[in-house]
Structures are given as structure tokens and as C-alpha cells.
N, C-alpha and C. Protein backbone atom coordinates (compact mmCIF):
# COMPACT_ATOMS: atom_id res chain seq x y z
N MET A 1 98.56 108.53 73.46
CA MET A 1 97.89 109.69 72.92
C MET A 1 98.92 110.52 72.17
N GLU A 2 98.49 111.18 71.13
CA GLU A 2 99.37 112.06 70.37
C GLU A 2 99.33 113.47 70.95
N TYR A 3 100.41 114.21 70.72
CA TYR A 3 100.54 115.57 71.24
C TYR A 3 99.35 116.44 70.85
N GLN A 4 98.97 116.44 69.57
CA GLN A 4 97.90 117.31 69.10
C GLN A 4 96.57 117.02 69.82
N ARG A 5 96.30 115.75 70.08
CA ARG A 5 95.06 115.40 70.78
C ARG A 5 95.11 115.86 72.23
N ALA A 6 96.25 115.69 72.88
CA ALA A 6 96.40 116.14 74.27
C ALA A 6 96.21 117.66 74.34
N LYS A 7 96.76 118.37 73.39
CA LYS A 7 96.63 119.83 73.33
C LYS A 7 95.16 120.22 73.14
N ALA A 8 94.45 119.53 72.24
CA ALA A 8 93.05 119.82 71.99
C ALA A 8 92.20 119.57 73.24
N ILE A 9 92.49 118.49 73.96
CA ILE A 9 91.76 118.19 75.19
C ILE A 9 92.01 119.28 76.22
N LYS A 10 93.25 119.69 76.36
CA LYS A 10 93.61 120.73 77.33
C LYS A 10 92.88 122.04 77.03
N GLN A 11 92.76 122.39 75.76
CA GLN A 11 92.16 123.66 75.36
C GLN A 11 90.63 123.62 75.31
N SER A 12 90.06 122.43 75.32
CA SER A 12 88.62 122.27 75.18
C SER A 12 87.88 122.65 76.46
N GLN A 13 86.67 123.17 76.28
CA GLN A 13 85.78 123.44 77.41
C GLN A 13 85.06 122.16 77.86
N ASP A 14 85.03 121.17 76.98
CA ASP A 14 84.36 119.90 77.29
C ASP A 14 85.23 119.05 78.20
N LEU A 15 84.58 118.26 79.01
CA LEU A 15 85.30 117.34 79.89
C LEU A 15 85.53 116.03 79.14
N THR A 16 86.78 115.70 78.90
CA THR A 16 87.14 114.46 78.22
C THR A 16 87.88 113.59 79.21
N LYS A 17 87.46 112.34 79.33
CA LYS A 17 88.10 111.43 80.28
C LYS A 17 89.46 110.99 79.75
N VAL A 18 90.49 111.25 80.55
CA VAL A 18 91.86 110.87 80.23
C VAL A 18 92.39 110.06 81.40
N THR A 19 93.08 108.96 81.08
CA THR A 19 93.66 108.14 82.13
C THR A 19 95.16 107.97 81.94
N TYR A 20 95.82 107.72 83.05
CA TYR A 20 97.24 107.39 83.07
C TYR A 20 97.39 106.21 84.00
N GLN A 21 97.86 105.11 83.48
CA GLN A 21 98.02 103.86 84.23
C GLN A 21 96.75 103.49 84.99
N GLY A 22 95.60 103.66 84.32
CA GLY A 22 94.32 103.26 84.88
C GLY A 22 93.64 104.27 85.77
N SER A 23 94.30 105.37 86.11
CA SER A 23 93.70 106.39 86.96
C SER A 23 93.27 107.59 86.12
N SER A 24 92.11 108.14 86.43
CA SER A 24 91.64 109.34 85.74
C SER A 24 92.51 110.53 86.15
N VAL A 25 92.94 111.30 85.15
CA VAL A 25 93.82 112.44 85.41
C VAL A 25 93.31 113.68 84.69
N TYR A 26 93.78 114.83 85.17
CA TYR A 26 93.52 116.12 84.55
C TYR A 26 94.85 116.63 84.00
N ILE A 27 94.83 117.09 82.76
CA ILE A 27 96.05 117.63 82.14
C ILE A 27 96.18 119.09 82.52
N GLN A 28 97.26 119.44 83.23
CA GLN A 28 97.49 120.82 83.63
C GLN A 28 98.31 121.58 82.60
N ARG A 29 99.40 120.98 82.17
CA ARG A 29 100.30 121.63 81.22
C ARG A 29 100.83 120.59 80.25
N ILE A 30 101.21 121.10 79.07
CA ILE A 30 101.80 120.24 78.06
C ILE A 30 103.13 120.84 77.65
N ASP A 31 104.15 120.01 77.63
CA ASP A 31 105.49 120.42 77.21
C ASP A 31 105.81 119.74 75.89
N GLU A 32 105.63 120.47 74.81
CA GLU A 32 105.82 119.90 73.48
C GLU A 32 107.26 119.47 73.25
N GLN A 33 108.21 120.27 73.68
CA GLN A 33 109.63 119.95 73.44
C GLN A 33 110.03 118.62 74.07
N ASN A 34 109.54 118.36 75.27
CA ASN A 34 109.91 117.13 75.97
C ASN A 34 108.92 115.99 75.75
N GLY A 35 107.77 116.30 75.13
CA GLY A 35 106.76 115.27 74.91
C GLY A 35 106.11 114.80 76.20
N THR A 36 105.99 115.72 77.17
CA THR A 36 105.42 115.35 78.46
C THR A 36 104.22 116.23 78.79
N ALA A 37 103.44 115.76 79.75
CA ALA A 37 102.32 116.52 80.27
C ALA A 37 102.38 116.49 81.79
N GLN A 38 102.05 117.61 82.40
CA GLN A 38 101.92 117.64 83.85
C GLN A 38 100.46 117.33 84.14
N VAL A 39 100.23 116.29 84.92
CA VAL A 39 98.88 115.84 85.23
C VAL A 39 98.73 115.66 86.73
N TYR A 40 97.46 115.62 87.15
CA TYR A 40 97.19 115.19 88.53
C TYR A 40 96.01 114.24 88.53
N ALA A 41 96.03 113.33 89.47
CA ALA A 41 94.97 112.35 89.61
C ALA A 41 93.71 113.04 90.12
N LEU A 42 92.56 112.75 89.50
CA LEU A 42 91.32 113.39 89.92
C LEU A 42 90.94 113.02 91.35
N ASP A 43 91.32 111.83 91.80
CA ASP A 43 90.99 111.43 93.17
C ASP A 43 92.02 111.93 94.19
N ASP A 44 93.10 112.55 93.72
CA ASP A 44 94.12 113.09 94.62
C ASP A 44 94.87 114.23 93.92
N PRO A 45 94.25 115.44 93.86
CA PRO A 45 94.85 116.56 93.14
C PRO A 45 96.24 116.97 93.65
N SER A 46 96.59 116.58 94.86
CA SER A 46 97.92 116.93 95.37
C SER A 46 99.01 116.07 94.73
N ARG A 47 98.61 115.00 94.05
CA ARG A 47 99.57 114.08 93.43
C ARG A 47 99.80 114.48 91.96
N GLN A 48 100.67 115.46 91.77
CA GLN A 48 101.00 115.92 90.43
C GLN A 48 102.24 115.19 89.94
N GLN A 49 102.28 114.96 88.62
CA GLN A 49 103.45 114.30 88.05
C GLN A 49 103.58 114.65 86.58
N ASN A 50 104.78 114.55 86.08
CA ASN A 50 105.06 114.72 84.66
C ASN A 50 105.13 113.33 84.04
N VAL A 51 104.38 113.16 82.95
CA VAL A 51 104.33 111.85 82.29
C VAL A 51 104.49 112.04 80.79
N ALA A 52 104.91 110.99 80.11
CA ALA A 52 105.00 111.03 78.66
C ALA A 52 103.59 111.11 78.08
N ILE A 53 103.38 112.03 77.15
CA ILE A 53 102.06 112.19 76.53
C ILE A 53 101.60 110.88 75.91
N GLU A 54 102.50 110.14 75.33
CA GLU A 54 102.12 108.89 74.67
C GLU A 54 101.56 107.85 75.64
N GLN A 55 101.78 108.04 76.95
CA GLN A 55 101.24 107.10 77.95
C GLN A 55 99.83 107.47 78.40
N LEU A 56 99.33 108.62 77.97
CA LEU A 56 97.97 109.03 78.33
C LEU A 56 96.99 108.32 77.40
N GLN A 57 95.83 107.98 77.95
CA GLN A 57 94.80 107.28 77.18
C GLN A 57 93.50 108.09 77.27
N GLU A 58 92.85 108.23 76.13
CA GLU A 58 91.54 108.86 76.12
C GLU A 58 90.48 107.77 76.21
N SER A 59 89.52 107.98 77.10
CA SER A 59 88.48 106.97 77.30
C SER A 59 87.16 107.44 76.72
């Protein structure tokens, strides 16, 4: 995924399905300088992680 698309999804009121390594995730924060996003798995919100934005997939 590109940075601009991740940013648009984060700012949108609509629910857009995003996955990371096959798991559905919610984008909490985006770090443009580092090209990363802080996400958590929808099935386990306690499992937060920073991932490369380019590894996120829109479904």
C-alpha cells in the first residue's frame, strides 16, 4: 500500500478492510518519516505492532 492511501483510509469514516500478513488490522497511526504504521489485529486489539506501510494490503 502507498502512504497516501494508508493516510486516506485512516482519515476516512468508512470502514475499509486492511490486512497485514493475512490478518485484518486497524491502522492507529501513520509515521510518514519512517514509512511505518502502527496497527493492531482486529481479532486481538492488544497485539499492536509497527509495520512497513508497503506491507499493508487493501482488500
